[in-house]
């Protein structure tokens, strides 16, 4: 029983990584009062951008993850321009961004069908990886799994313990009051949206360059929508989002 449980739990951590990155990015965005429903589209754009960079450069995920982040942030700026600068309906802009991301990734990805990448090898942390049961599960993962935990810790600390976290919350709850005392509300919201897009792009690039690692059309398979739902069900708390991501990852591995 334990022999079968260990690989399932170890796989859960990898399966949850896209949800953690995309969910944390959307959580920061929504803290400022902006709801971006285009997470699915940004993930797909990040996935194809990351895969293309990894394939063309020959450096694998080392080139793919940063490229995915840049592509996701750039895609998010399209949403920000219409939703923030032009004050268009946020829900409509987000849905349009998802449709745009699906179409653009499918168009660019035609060239990369049937192309595969080497992926990332697991990194065994000395001593910790030798711990019975917990060692193989927690301390024999690829670098991006560890990065997702660092991102969670950094964002949770920033939102709860720093002035920036309080500012984001204040802008989300009362943008008029924040503007009245001199804070650039639109500029800060642009930054939050860009950050959310970069995180979604990393999530997509992880799928295409590490988790799979090959290009498949619409490979996010609804993970962007799950990430948006996790933010709401977690009541905008990073710890609950992390636990929810692992729950969905566990269900995914069980399939």
C-alpha atoms as a PDB file:
ATOM      1  CA  UNK A   1       0.000   0.000   0.000  1.00  0.00           C
ATOM      2  CA  UNK A   2       2.734   2.491   0.990  1.00  0.00           C
ATOM      3  CA  UNK A   3       4.758   1.569  -2.101  1.00  0.00           C
ATOM      4  CA  UNK A   4       1.868   2.764  -4.265  1.00  0.00           C
ATOM      5  CA  UNK A   5       1.047   5.792  -2.099  1.00  0.00           C
ATOM      6  CA  UNK A   6       4.535   7.347  -2.236  1.00  0.00           C
ATOM      7  CA  UNK A   7       4.632   7.900  -6.051  1.00  0.00           C
ATOM      8  CA  UNK A   8       1.040   9.180  -5.962  1.00  0.00           C
ATOM      9  CA  UNK A   9       1.842  11.772  -3.304  1.00  0.00           C
ATOM     10  CA  UNK A  10       5.126  12.677  -4.997  1.00  0.00           C
ATOM     11  CA  UNK A  11       3.270  13.189  -8.275  1.00  0.00           C
ATOM     12  CA  UNK A  12       0.682  15.333  -6.512  1.00  0.00           C
ATOM     13  CA  UNK A  13       3.268  18.048  -5.853  1.00  0.00           C
ATOM     14  CA  UNK A  14       4.145  18.305  -9.537  1.00  0.00           C
ATOM     15  CA  UNK A  15       0.528  18.210 -10.677  1.00  0.00           C
ATOM     16  CA  UNK A  16      -0.331  21.083  -8.329  1.00  0.00           C
ATOM     17  CA  UNK A  17       2.435  23.423  -9.553  1.00  0.00           C
ATOM     18  CA  UNK A  18       0.451  25.031 -12.431  1.00  0.00           C
ATOM     19  CA  UNK A  19      -2.495  25.658 -10.100  1.00  0.00           C
ATOM     20  CA  UNK A  20      -0.222  27.166  -7.436  1.00  0.00           C
ATOM     21  CA  UNK A  21       1.458  29.621  -9.798  1.00  0.00           C
ATOM     22  CA  UNK A  22      -1.697  30.595 -11.676  1.00  0.00           C
ATOM     23  CA  UNK A  23      -3.760  30.769  -8.478  1.00  0.00           C
ATOM     24  CA  UNK A  24      -1.243  32.940  -6.612  1.00  0.00           C
ATOM     25  CA  UNK A  25      -1.022  35.316  -9.559  1.00  0.00           C
ATOM     26  CA  UNK A  26      -4.792  35.652  -9.776  1.00  0.00           C
ATOM     27  CA  UNK A  27      -5.002  36.099  -6.000  1.00  0.00           C
ATOM     28  CA  UNK A  28      -2.653  39.094  -6.138  1.00  0.00           C
ATOM     29  CA  UNK A  29      -4.607  40.526  -9.077  1.00  0.00           C
ATOM     30  CA  UNK A  30      -7.935  40.186  -7.291  1.00  0.00           C
ATOM     31  CA  UNK A  31      -6.504  41.734  -4.117  1.00  0.00           C
ATOM     32  CA  UNK A  32      -6.419  45.014  -6.055  1.00  0.00           C
ATOM     33  CA  UNK A  33     -10.070  44.723  -7.077  1.00  0.00           C
ATOM     34  CA  UNK A  34      -9.454  43.398 -10.595  1.00  0.00           C
ATOM     35  CA  UNK A  35     -10.905  40.073 -11.754  1.00  0.00           C
ATOM     36  CA  UNK A  36      -9.052  38.607 -14.732  1.00  0.00           C
ATOM     37  CA  UNK A  37     -10.886  35.598 -16.138  1.00  0.00           C
ATOM     38  CA  UNK A  38      -8.281  35.191 -18.855  1.00  0.00           C
ATOM     39  CA  UNK A  39      -6.002  32.930 -16.795  1.00  0.00           C
ATOM     40  CA  UNK A  40      -6.607  29.988 -19.122  1.00  0.00           C
ATOM     41  CA  UNK A  41      -5.591  32.026 -22.147  1.00  0.00           C
ATOM     42  CA  UNK A  42      -2.493  33.421 -20.446  1.00  0.00           C
ATOM     43  CA  UNK A  43      -1.453  29.917 -19.420  1.00  0.00           C
ATOM     44  CA  UNK A  44      -1.701  28.684 -23.005  1.00  0.00           C
ATOM     45  CA  UNK A  45       0.258  31.635 -24.372  1.00  0.00           C
ATOM     46  CA  UNK A  46       2.898  31.021 -21.706  1.00  0.00           C
ATOM     47  CA  UNK A  47       2.915  27.327 -22.573  1.00  0.00           C
ATOM     48  CA  UNK A  48       3.591  27.814 -26.278  1.00  0.00           C
ATOM     49  CA  UNK A  49       6.042  30.672 -25.699  1.00  0.00           C
ATOM     50  CA  UNK A  50       7.938  28.596 -23.152  1.00  0.00           C
ATOM     51  CA  UNK A  51       7.951  25.531 -25.372  1.00  0.00           C
ATOM     52  CA  UNK A  52       9.118  27.513 -28.413  1.00  0.00           C
ATOM     53  CA  UNK A  53      11.922  29.172 -26.433  1.00  0.00           C
ATOM     54  CA  UNK A  54      12.997  25.847 -24.968  1.00  0.00           C
ATOM     55  CA  UNK A  55      12.941  24.089 -28.337  1.00  0.00           C
ATOM     56  CA  UNK A  56      14.673  26.813 -30.338  1.00  0.00           C
ATOM     57  CA  UNK A  57      17.337  27.667 -27.759  1.00  0.00           C
ATOM     58  CA  UNK A  58      18.160  24.112 -26.765  1.00  0.00           C
ATOM     59  CA  UNK A  59      18.253  25.116 -23.099  1.00  0.00           C
ATOM     60  CA  UNK A  60      14.976  23.438 -22.153  1.00  0.00           C
ATOM     61  CA  UNK A  61      13.030  24.731 -19.191  1.00  0.00           C
ATOM     62  CA  UNK A  62      15.838  27.146 -18.249  1.00  0.00           C
ATOM     63  CA  UNK A  63      14.804  29.232 -21.251  1.00  0.00           C
ATOM     64  CA  UNK A  64      11.166  28.153 -21.351  1.00  0.00           C
ATOM     65  CA  UNK A  65      10.078  29.255 -17.863  1.00  0.00           C
ATOM     66  CA  UNK A  66      11.307  32.889 -18.209  1.00  0.00           C
ATOM     67  CA  UNK A  67       9.886  33.100 -21.733  1.00  0.00           C
ATOM     68  CA  UNK A  68       6.531  31.878 -20.473  1.00  0.00           C
ATOM     69  CA  UNK A  69       6.546  34.514 -17.730  1.00  0.00           C
ATOM     70  CA  UNK A  70       7.267  37.311 -20.212  1.00  0.00           C
ATOM     71  CA  UNK A  71       4.618  36.074 -22.653  1.00  0.00           C
ATOM     72  CA  UNK A  72       2.023  35.749 -19.882  1.00  0.00           C
ATOM     73  CA  UNK A  73       2.726  39.269 -18.617  1.00  0.00           C
ATOM     74  CA  UNK A  74       2.530  40.704 -22.137  1.00  0.00           C
ATOM     75  CA  UNK A  75      -0.796  38.957 -22.729  1.00  0.00           C
ATOM     76  CA  UNK A  76      -2.105  40.274 -19.418  1.00  0.00           C
ATOM     77  CA  UNK A  77      -1.301  43.818 -20.562  1.00  0.00           C
ATOM     78  CA  UNK A  78      -3.862  43.415 -23.338  1.00  0.00           C
ATOM     79  CA  UNK A  79      -6.482  42.749 -20.680  1.00  0.00           C
ATOM     80  CA  UNK A  80      -5.205  45.640 -18.555  1.00  0.00           C
ATOM     81  CA  UNK A  81      -5.396  48.096 -21.452  1.00  0.00           C
ATOM     82  CA  UNK A  82      -9.034  47.368 -22.169  1.00  0.00           C
ATOM     83  CA  UNK A  83     -10.238  46.704 -18.607  1.00  0.00           C
ATOM     84  CA  UNK A  84      -8.283  49.450 -16.817  1.00  0.00           C
ATOM     85  CA  UNK A  85      -7.351  52.124 -19.351  1.00  0.00           C
ATOM     86  CA  UNK A  86     -10.600  51.946 -21.321  1.00  0.00           C
ATOM     87  CA  UNK A  87     -12.743  50.801 -18.348  1.00  0.00           C
ATOM     88  CA  UNK A  88     -14.294  47.956 -20.355  1.00  0.00           C
ATOM     89  CA  UNK A  89     -16.177  45.147 -18.636  1.00  0.00           C
ATOM     90  CA  UNK A  90     -13.606  42.970 -16.850  1.00  0.00           C
ATOM     91  CA  UNK A  91     -15.501  39.698 -17.273  1.00  0.00           C
ATOM     92  CA  UNK A  92     -15.921  40.227 -21.010  1.00  0.00           C
ATOM     93  CA  UNK A  93     -12.255  41.191 -21.416  1.00  0.00           C
ATOM     94  CA  UNK A  94     -11.138  38.121 -19.501  1.00  0.00           C
ATOM     95  CA  UNK A  95     -13.262  35.759 -21.556  1.00  0.00           C
ATOM     96  CA  UNK A  96     -12.038  37.388 -24.771  1.00  0.00           C
ATOM     97  CA  UNK A  97      -8.448  36.973 -23.587  1.00  0.00           C
ATOM     98  CA  UNK A  98      -9.020  33.265 -23.000  1.00  0.00           C
ATOM     99  CA  UNK A  99     -10.418  32.820 -26.516  1.00  0.00           C
ATOM    100  CA  UNK A 100      -7.494  34.817 -27.905  1.00  0.00           C
ATOM    101  CA  UNK A 101      -4.967  32.703 -25.998  1.00  0.00           C
ATOM    102  CA  UNK A 102      -6.516  29.433 -27.164  1.00  0.00           C
ATOM    103  CA  UNK A 103      -6.441  30.529 -30.811  1.00  0.00           C
ATOM    104  CA  UNK A 104      -2.963  32.076 -30.734  1.00  0.00           C
ATOM    105  CA  UNK A 105      -1.365  29.099 -28.989  1.00  0.00           C
ATOM    106  CA  UNK A 106      -2.993  26.657 -31.407  1.00  0.00           C
ATOM    107  CA  UNK A 107      -1.780  28.680 -34.403  1.00  0.00           C
ATOM    108  CA  UNK A 108       1.818  28.999 -33.208  1.00  0.00           C
ATOM    109  CA  UNK A 109       1.892  25.454 -31.846  1.00  0.00           C
ATOM    110  CA  UNK A 110       1.238  23.811 -35.215  1.00  0.00           C
ATOM    111  CA  UNK A 111       4.971  23.931 -35.879  1.00  0.00           C
ATOM    112  CA  UNK A 112       5.803  22.099 -32.637  1.00  0.00           C
ATOM    113  CA  UNK A 113       3.372  19.179 -32.735  1.00  0.00           C
ATOM    114  CA  UNK A 114       5.158  15.843 -32.080  1.00  0.00           C
ATOM    115  CA  UNK A 115       8.263  17.691 -30.825  1.00  0.00           C
ATOM    116  CA  UNK A 116       9.418  16.663 -27.338  1.00  0.00           C
ATOM    117  CA  UNK A 117      11.778  18.150 -24.764  1.00  0.00           C
ATOM    118  CA  UNK A 118      14.087  16.486 -22.222  1.00  0.00           C
ATOM    119  CA  UNK A 119      12.317  18.070 -19.209  1.00  0.00           C
ATOM    120  CA  UNK A 120      13.930  18.560 -15.801  1.00  0.00           C
ATOM    121  CA  UNK A 121      15.512  15.908 -13.626  1.00  0.00           C
ATOM    122  CA  UNK A 122      14.433  15.684  -9.977  1.00  0.00           C
ATOM    123  CA  UNK A 123      16.779  17.262  -7.465  1.00  0.00           C
ATOM    124  CA  UNK A 124      17.383  15.153  -4.365  1.00  0.00           C
ATOM    125  CA  UNK A 125      18.151  17.377  -1.375  1.00  0.00           C
ATOM    126  CA  UNK A 126      21.009  15.793   0.616  1.00  0.00           C
ATOM    127  CA  UNK A 127      20.021  14.137   3.914  1.00  0.00           C
ATOM    128  CA  UNK A 128      16.395  15.292   3.664  1.00  0.00           C
ATOM    129  CA  UNK A 129      15.708  13.041   0.680  1.00  0.00           C
ATOM    130  CA  UNK A 130      16.775  10.029   2.787  1.00  0.00           C
ATOM    131  CA  UNK A 131      14.032  10.537   5.365  1.00  0.00           C
ATOM    132  CA  UNK A 132      11.651   7.537   5.261  1.00  0.00           C
ATOM    133  CA  UNK A 133       8.314   8.242   3.533  1.00  0.00           C
ATOM    134  CA  UNK A 134       8.615  12.056   3.516  1.00  0.00           C
ATOM    135  CA  UNK A 135      11.990  12.117   1.765  1.00  0.00           C
ATOM    136  CA  UNK A 136      10.907  10.651  -1.595  1.00  0.00           C
ATOM    137  CA  UNK A 137       7.694  12.707  -1.533  1.00  0.00           C
ATOM    138  CA  UNK A 138       8.928  16.173  -0.571  1.00  0.00           C
ATOM    139  CA  UNK A 139      12.640  16.277  -1.295  1.00  0.00           C
ATOM    140  CA  UNK A 140      13.062  14.516  -4.654  1.00  0.00           C
ATOM    141  CA  UNK A 141      11.265  16.990  -6.911  1.00  0.00           C
ATOM    142  CA  UNK A 142      12.268  19.169  -9.853  1.00  0.00           C
ATOM    143  CA  UNK A 143      13.435  22.748  -9.304  1.00  0.00           C
ATOM    144  CA  UNK A 144      10.109  24.342 -10.288  1.00  0.00           C
ATOM    145  CA  UNK A 145       8.253  22.440  -7.546  1.00  0.00           C
ATOM    146  CA  UNK A 146      10.611  23.961  -4.983  1.00  0.00           C
ATOM    147  CA  UNK A 147      10.201  27.336  -6.699  1.00  0.00           C
ATOM    148  CA  UNK A 148       6.414  27.112  -6.320  1.00  0.00           C
ATOM    149  CA  UNK A 149       6.789  26.674  -2.561  1.00  0.00           C
ATOM    150  CA  UNK A 150       9.156  29.644  -2.384  1.00  0.00           C
ATOM    151  CA  UNK A 151       6.697  31.720  -4.406  1.00  0.00           C
ATOM    152  CA  UNK A 152       3.901  30.756  -2.028  1.00  0.00           C
ATOM    153  CA  UNK A 153       5.954  31.712   1.034  1.00  0.00           C
ATOM    154  CA  UNK A 154       7.063  35.023  -0.490  1.00  0.00           C
ATOM    155  CA  UNK A 155       3.558  36.039  -1.583  1.00  0.00           C
ATOM    156  CA  UNK A 156       1.924  34.963   1.689  1.00  0.00           C
ATOM    157  CA  UNK A 157       4.488  36.978   3.662  1.00  0.00           C
ATOM    158  CA  UNK A 158       4.184  40.002   1.379  1.00  0.00           C
ATOM    159  CA  UNK A 159       0.393  40.110   1.549  1.00  0.00           C
ATOM    160  CA  UNK A 160       0.195  39.709   5.323  1.00  0.00           C
ATOM    161  CA  UNK A 161       3.336  41.344   6.705  1.00  0.00           C
ATOM    162  CA  UNK A 162       4.383  44.186   4.414  1.00  0.00           C
ATOM    163  CA  UNK A 163       3.203  47.660   3.512  1.00  0.00           C
ATOM    164  CA  UNK A 164       2.793  46.567  -0.124  1.00  0.00           C
ATOM    165  CA  UNK A 165       0.332  43.865   0.936  1.00  0.00           C
ATOM    166  CA  UNK A 166      -1.712  46.371   2.912  1.00  0.00           C
ATOM    167  CA  UNK A 167      -1.647  48.766  -0.045  1.00  0.00           C
ATOM    168  CA  UNK A 168      -2.939  46.114  -2.431  1.00  0.00           C
ATOM    169  CA  UNK A 169      -5.736  45.284  -0.011  1.00  0.00           C
ATOM    170  CA  UNK A 170      -6.627  48.956   0.450  1.00  0.00           C
ATOM    171  CA  UNK A 171      -6.831  49.522  -3.296  1.00  0.00           C
ATOM    172  CA  UNK A 172      -9.060  46.486  -3.707  1.00  0.00           C
ATOM    173  CA  UNK A 173     -11.421  47.499  -0.910  1.00  0.00           C
ATOM    174  CA  UNK A 174     -11.555  51.261  -1.487  1.00  0.00           C
ATOM    175  CA  UNK A 175      -9.811  52.536  -4.625  1.00  0.00           C
ATOM    176  CA  UNK A 176     -11.367  55.987  -4.235  1.00  0.00           C
ATOM    177  CA  UNK A 177      -9.870  56.427  -0.756  1.00  0.00           C
ATOM    178  CA  UNK A 178      -6.457  55.158  -1.929  1.00  0.00           C
ATOM    179  CA  UNK A 179      -6.524  57.604  -4.842  1.00  0.00           C
ATOM    180  CA  UNK A 180      -7.581  60.451  -2.555  1.00  0.00           C
ATOM    181  CA  UNK A 181      -4.462  60.069  -0.409  1.00  0.00           C
ATOM    182  CA  UNK A 182      -2.161  60.005  -3.423  1.00  0.00           C
ATOM    183  CA  UNK A 183      -1.644  56.382  -4.452  1.00  0.00           C
ATOM    184  CA  UNK A 184      -1.560  55.667  -8.230  1.00  0.00           C
ATOM    185  CA  UNK A 185      -4.395  53.133  -8.259  1.00  0.00           C
ATOM    186  CA  UNK A 186      -4.381  52.395 -11.999  1.00  0.00           C
ATOM    187  CA  UNK A 187      -0.607  52.009 -12.108  1.00  0.00           C
ATOM    188  CA  UNK A 188      -0.599  49.606  -9.171  1.00  0.00           C
ATOM    189  CA  UNK A 189      -3.429  47.603 -10.718  1.00  0.00           C
ATOM    190  CA  UNK A 190      -1.449  47.401 -13.964  1.00  0.00           C
ATOM    191  CA  UNK A 191       1.462  45.973 -11.981  1.00  0.00           C
ATOM    192  CA  UNK A 192      -0.763  43.441 -10.233  1.00  0.00           C
ATOM    193  CA  UNK A 193      -2.293  42.315 -13.532  1.00  0.00           C
ATOM    194  CA  UNK A 194       1.173  41.980 -15.100  1.00  0.00           C
ATOM    195  CA  UNK A 195       2.335  39.927 -12.133  1.00  0.00           C
ATOM    196  CA  UNK A 196      -0.713  37.676 -12.408  1.00  0.00           C
ATOM    197  CA  UNK A 197      -0.040  37.204 -16.112  1.00  0.00           C
ATOM    198  CA  UNK A 198       3.612  36.323 -15.472  1.00  0.00           C
ATOM    199  CA  UNK A 199       2.601  33.722 -12.883  1.00  0.00           C
ATOM    200  CA  UNK A 200       0.041  32.218 -15.277  1.00  0.00           C
ATOM    201  CA  UNK A 201       2.715  32.161 -17.983  1.00  0.00           C
ATOM    202  CA  UNK A 202       5.075  30.280 -15.668  1.00  0.00           C
ATOM    203  CA  UNK A 203       2.275  27.799 -14.952  1.00  0.00           C
ATOM    204  CA  UNK A 204       1.755  27.202 -18.664  1.00  0.00           C
ATOM    205  CA  UNK A 205       5.477  26.957 -19.408  1.00  0.00           C
ATOM    206  CA  UNK A 206       5.857  24.378 -16.641  1.00  0.00           C
ATOM    207  CA  UNK A 207       3.157  22.258 -18.275  1.00  0.00           C
ATOM    208  CA  UNK A 208       4.783  22.318 -21.698  1.00  0.00           C
ATOM    209  CA  UNK A 209       8.481  22.159 -20.783  1.00  0.00           C
ATOM    210  CA  UNK A 210       8.610  20.116 -17.564  1.00  0.00           C
ATOM    211  CA  UNK A 211       5.396  18.340 -16.658  1.00  0.00           C
ATOM    212  CA  UNK A 212       4.498  16.873 -20.065  1.00  0.00           C
ATOM    213  CA  UNK A 213       7.046  17.881 -21.719  1.00  0.00           C
ATOM    214  CA  UNK A 214       5.678  18.292 -25.233  1.00  0.00           C
ATOM    215  CA  UNK A 215       3.259  20.591 -26.985  1.00  0.00           C
ATOM    216  CA  UNK A 216      -0.404  19.584 -27.109  1.00  0.00           C
ATOM    217  CA  UNK A 217      -3.115  21.967 -28.235  1.00  0.00           C
ATOM    218  CA  UNK A 218      -5.206  23.301 -25.325  1.00  0.00           C
ATOM    219  CA  UNK A 219      -2.922  21.441 -22.924  1.00  0.00           C
ATOM    220  CA  UNK A 220      -3.948  23.525 -19.896  1.00  0.00           C
ATOM    221  CA  UNK A 221      -7.210  21.527 -19.970  1.00  0.00           C
ATOM    222  CA  UNK A 222      -9.191  23.907 -17.774  1.00  0.00           C
ATOM    223  CA  UNK A 223      -6.507  24.467 -15.147  1.00  0.00           C
ATOM    224  CA  UNK A 224      -6.849  28.225 -15.580  1.00  0.00           C
ATOM    225  CA  UNK A 225     -10.523  28.079 -14.635  1.00  0.00           C
ATOM    226  CA  UNK A 226      -9.697  25.839 -11.674  1.00  0.00           C
ATOM    227  CA  UNK A 227      -7.121  28.398 -10.516  1.00  0.00           C
ATOM    228  CA  UNK A 228      -9.730  31.178 -10.643  1.00  0.00           C
ATOM    229  CA  UNK A 229     -12.175  29.018  -8.696  1.00  0.00           C
ATOM    230  CA  UNK A 230      -9.502  28.145  -6.126  1.00  0.00           C
ATOM    231  CA  UNK A 231      -8.910  31.816  -5.394  1.00  0.00           C
ATOM    232  CA  UNK A 232     -12.592  32.303  -4.594  1.00  0.00           C
ATOM    233  CA  UNK A 233     -13.004  29.081  -2.607  1.00  0.00           C
ATOM    234  CA  UNK A 234      -9.812  29.893  -0.674  1.00  0.00           C
ATOM    235  CA  UNK A 235     -11.349  33.283   0.268  1.00  0.00           C
ATOM    236  CA  UNK A 236      -8.222  35.014  -1.055  1.00  0.00           C
ATOM    237  CA  UNK A 237      -5.943  33.324   1.495  1.00  0.00           C
ATOM    238  CA  UNK A 238      -2.681  31.853   0.082  1.00  0.00           C
ATOM    239  CA  UNK A 239      -2.515  28.923   2.517  1.00  0.00           C
ATOM    240  CA  UNK A 240      -5.992  27.690   1.630  1.00  0.00           C
ATOM    241  CA  UNK A 241      -5.171  28.107  -2.052  1.00  0.00           C
ATOM    242  CA  UNK A 242      -2.059  25.959  -1.644  1.00  0.00           C
ATOM    243  CA  UNK A 243      -4.046  23.200   0.058  1.00  0.00           C
ATOM    244  CA  UNK A 244      -6.743  23.372  -2.612  1.00  0.00           C
ATOM    245  CA  UNK A 245      -4.118  23.110  -5.370  1.00  0.00           C
ATOM    246  CA  UNK A 246      -2.683  19.978  -3.766  1.00  0.00           C
ATOM    247  CA  UNK A 247      -6.170  18.507  -3.471  1.00  0.00           C
ATOM    248  CA  UNK A 248      -6.799  18.983  -7.189  1.00  0.00           C
ATOM    249  CA  UNK A 249      -3.310  17.691  -7.950  1.00  0.00           C
ATOM    250  CA  UNK A 250      -4.016  14.564  -5.915  1.00  0.00           C
ATOM    251  CA  UNK A 251      -7.260  13.956  -7.810  1.00  0.00           C
ATOM    252  CA  UNK A 252      -5.432  14.462 -11.112  1.00  0.00           C
ATOM    253  CA  UNK A 253      -2.797  11.855 -10.234  1.00  0.00           C
ATOM    254  CA  UNK A 254      -5.459   9.390  -9.064  1.00  0.00           C
ATOM    255  CA  UNK A 255      -6.985   9.468 -12.549  1.00  0.00           C
END
